[in-house]
Amino acid sequence: MSGNIRLRGKHYYYDFMIDGKRYKGSTKTDDKKLAEHIADTIKADLLRKKHDLPTNIKYQKSLRWH
Protein backbone atom coordinates (compact mmCIF):
# COMPACT_ATOMS: atom_id res chain seq x y z
CA MET A 1 0.00 0.00 0.00
CA SER A 2 2.94 2.34 0.37
CA GLY A 3 2.92 5.43 -1.79
CA ASN A 4 6.08 6.87 -3.16
CA ILE A 5 8.99 6.95 -0.79
CA ARG A 6 12.29 8.45 -1.82
CA LEU A 7 15.66 8.81 -0.23
CA ARG A 8 16.54 12.50 0.00
CA GLY A 9 19.76 13.15 1.84
CA LYS A 10 19.87 10.84 4.86
CA HIS A 11 16.12 10.21 5.27
CA TYR A 12 13.26 8.74 3.27
CA TYR A 13 10.29 10.95 2.42
CA TYR A 14 6.74 9.91 1.58
CA ASP A 15 4.65 11.54 -1.12
CA PHE A 16 1.12 10.49 -2.13
CA MET A 17 -2.29 11.89 -3.02
CA ILE A 18 -5.73 11.15 -1.61
CA ASP A 19 -8.75 12.67 -3.35
CA GLY A 20 -6.58 15.19 -5.19
CA LYS A 21 -4.78 16.38 -2.02
CA ARG A 22 -1.05 15.84 -1.81
CA TYR A 23 0.59 14.67 1.41
CA LYS A 24 4.35 14.62 1.84
CA GLY A 25 6.91 14.66 4.59
CA SER A 26 9.90 13.02 6.17
CA THR A 27 9.74 9.56 7.69
CA LYS A 28 12.79 10.62 9.75
CA THR A 29 14.52 7.30 9.08
CA ASP A 30 17.18 5.95 6.75
CA ASP A 31 15.75 2.41 6.90
CA LYS A 32 13.69 1.74 3.75
CA LYS A 33 11.44 -0.96 5.26
CA LEU A 34 10.68 1.22 8.28
CA ALA A 35 10.01 4.19 5.97
CA GLU A 36 7.54 2.08 3.96
CA HIS A 37 5.79 1.05 7.18
CA ILE A 38 5.60 4.68 8.35
CA ALA A 39 4.22 5.82 4.98
CA ASP A 40 1.61 3.02 5.06
CA THR A 41 0.59 4.00 8.60
CA ILE A 42 0.22 7.67 7.65
CA LYS A 43 -1.84 6.81 4.58
CA ALA A 44 -4.07 4.46 6.60
CA ASP A 45 -4.62 7.16 9.24
CA LEU A 46 -5.57 9.67 6.57
CA LEU A 47 -8.05 7.23 5.05
CA ARG A 48 -9.50 6.57 8.51
CA LYS A 49 -9.97 10.30 8.97
CA LYS A 50 -11.66 10.55 5.56
CA HIS A 51 -14.22 7.95 6.62
CA ASP A 52 -14.73 9.47 10.09
CA LEU A 53 -12.90 6.67 11.89
CA PRO A 54 -10.68 7.44 14.91
CA THR A 55 -7.07 8.53 14.47
CA ASN A 56 -4.74 10.36 16.85
CA ILE A 57 -2.40 12.11 14.41
CA LYS A 58 -2.96 15.35 12.47
CA TYR A 59 -1.35 15.58 9.01
CA GLN A 60 -0.89 18.52 6.70
CA LYS A 61 -1.33 18.54 2.97
CA SER A 62 1.16 20.17 0.66
CA LEU A 63 0.94 21.28 -2.93
CA ARG A 64 4.56 20.85 -4.04
CA TRP A 65 8.10 20.01 -2.99
CA HIS A 66 10.13 22.84 -1.55
C-alpha atoms as a PDB file:
ATOM      1  CA  MET A   1       0.000   0.000   0.000  1.00  0.00           C
ATOM      2  CA  SER A   2       2.937   2.337   0.366  1.00  0.00           C
ATOM      3  CA  GLY A   3       2.922   5.427  -1.791  1.00  0.00           C
ATOM      4  CA  ASN A   4       6.077   6.870  -3.165  1.00  0.00           C
ATOM      5  CA  ILE A   5       8.987   6.951  -0.790  1.00  0.00           C
ATOM      6  CA  ARG A   6      12.288   8.454  -1.822  1.00  0.00           C
ATOM      7  CA  LEU A   7      15.663   8.805  -0.229  1.00  0.00           C
ATOM      8  CA  ARG A   8      16.542  12.497   0.001  1.00  0.00           C
ATOM      9  CA  GLY A   9      19.761  13.146   1.840  1.00  0.00           C
ATOM     10  CA  LYS A  10      19.866  10.839   4.861  1.00  0.00           C
ATOM     11  CA  HIS A  11      16.120  10.210   5.272  1.00  0.00           C
ATOM     12  CA  TYR A  12      13.259   8.738   3.273  1.00  0.00           C
ATOM     13  CA  TYR A  13      10.293  10.953   2.419  1.00  0.00           C
ATOM     14  CA  TYR A  14       6.738   9.907   1.583  1.00  0.00           C
ATOM     15  CA  ASP A  15       4.651  11.544  -1.120  1.00  0.00           C
ATOM     16  CA  PHE A  16       1.125  10.494  -2.128  1.00  0.00           C
ATOM     17  CA  MET A  17      -2.285  11.889  -3.021  1.00  0.00           C
ATOM     18  CA  ILE A  18      -5.730  11.154  -1.605  1.00  0.00           C
ATOM     19  CA  ASP A  19      -8.747  12.666  -3.348  1.00  0.00           C
ATOM     20  CA  GLY A  20      -6.578  15.190  -5.185  1.00  0.00           C
ATOM     21  CA  LYS A  21      -4.784  16.380  -2.024  1.00  0.00           C
ATOM     22  CA  ARG A  22      -1.045  15.844  -1.809  1.00  0.00           C
ATOM     23  CA  TYR A  23       0.590  14.668   1.405  1.00  0.00           C
ATOM     24  CA  LYS A  24       4.348  14.618   1.841  1.00  0.00           C
ATOM     25  CA  GLY A  25       6.910  14.655   4.593  1.00  0.00           C
ATOM     26  CA  SER A  26       9.904  13.023   6.171  1.00  0.00           C
ATOM     27  CA  THR A  27       9.740   9.562   7.691  1.00  0.00           C
ATOM     28  CA  LYS A  28      12.790  10.617   9.753  1.00  0.00           C
ATOM     29  CA  THR A  29      14.522   7.303   9.084  1.00  0.00           C
ATOM     30  CA  ASP A  30      17.184   5.953   6.754  1.00  0.00           C
ATOM     31  CA  ASP A  31      15.746   2.410   6.905  1.00  0.00           C
ATOM     32  CA  LYS A  32      13.693   1.738   3.753  1.00  0.00           C
ATOM     33  CA  LYS A  33      11.436  -0.956   5.265  1.00  0.00           C
ATOM     34  CA  LEU A  34      10.676   1.218   8.276  1.00  0.00           C
ATOM     35  CA  ALA A  35      10.014   4.190   5.969  1.00  0.00           C
ATOM     36  CA  GLU A  36       7.538   2.085   3.961  1.00  0.00           C
ATOM     37  CA  HIS A  37       5.786   1.051   7.181  1.00  0.00           C
ATOM     38  CA  ILE A  38       5.604   4.684   8.351  1.00  0.00           C
ATOM     39  CA  ALA A  39       4.223   5.819   4.976  1.00  0.00           C
ATOM     40  CA  ASP A  40       1.615   3.020   5.059  1.00  0.00           C
ATOM     41  CA  THR A  41       0.586   4.002   8.596  1.00  0.00           C
ATOM     42  CA  ILE A  42       0.222   7.667   7.645  1.00  0.00           C
ATOM     43  CA  LYS A  43      -1.839   6.807   4.578  1.00  0.00           C
ATOM     44  CA  ALA A  44      -4.072   4.463   6.597  1.00  0.00           C
ATOM     45  CA  ASP A  45      -4.616   7.157   9.243  1.00  0.00           C
ATOM     46  CA  LEU A  46      -5.570   9.673   6.569  1.00  0.00           C
ATOM     47  CA  LEU A  47      -8.046   7.232   5.045  1.00  0.00           C
ATOM     48  CA  ARG A  48      -9.501   6.565   8.507  1.00  0.00           C
ATOM     49  CA  LYS A  49      -9.965  10.296   8.966  1.00  0.00           C
ATOM     50  CA  LYS A  50     -11.665  10.548   5.563  1.00  0.00           C
ATOM     51  CA  HIS A  51     -14.221   7.954   6.623  1.00  0.00           C
ATOM     52  CA  ASP A  52     -14.729   9.472  10.088  1.00  0.00           C
ATOM     53  CA  LEU A  53     -12.896   6.673  11.892  1.00  0.00           C
ATOM     54  CA  PRO A  54     -10.680   7.439  14.909  1.00  0.00           C
ATOM     55  CA  THR A  55      -7.073   8.527  14.469  1.00  0.00           C
ATOM     56  CA  ASN A  56      -4.739  10.355  16.849  1.00  0.00           C
ATOM     57  CA  ILE A  57      -2.398  12.113  14.411  1.00  0.00           C
ATOM     58  CA  LYS A  58      -2.960  15.346  12.470  1.00  0.00           C
ATOM     59  CA  TYR A  59      -1.354  15.576   9.011  1.00  0.00           C
ATOM     60  CA  GLN A  60      -0.889  18.519   6.701  1.00  0.00           C
ATOM     61  CA  LYS A  61      -1.332  18.535   2.967  1.00  0.00           C
ATOM     62  CA  SER A  62       1.160  20.169   0.661  1.00  0.00           C
ATOM     63  CA  LEU A  63       0.935  21.276  -2.925  1.00  0.00           C
ATOM     64  CA  ARG A  64       4.564  20.849  -4.040  1.00  0.00           C
ATOM     65  CA  TRP A  65       8.104  20.010  -2.992  1.00  0.00           C
ATOM     66  CA  HIS A  66      10.127  22.841  -1.553  1.00  0.00           C
END
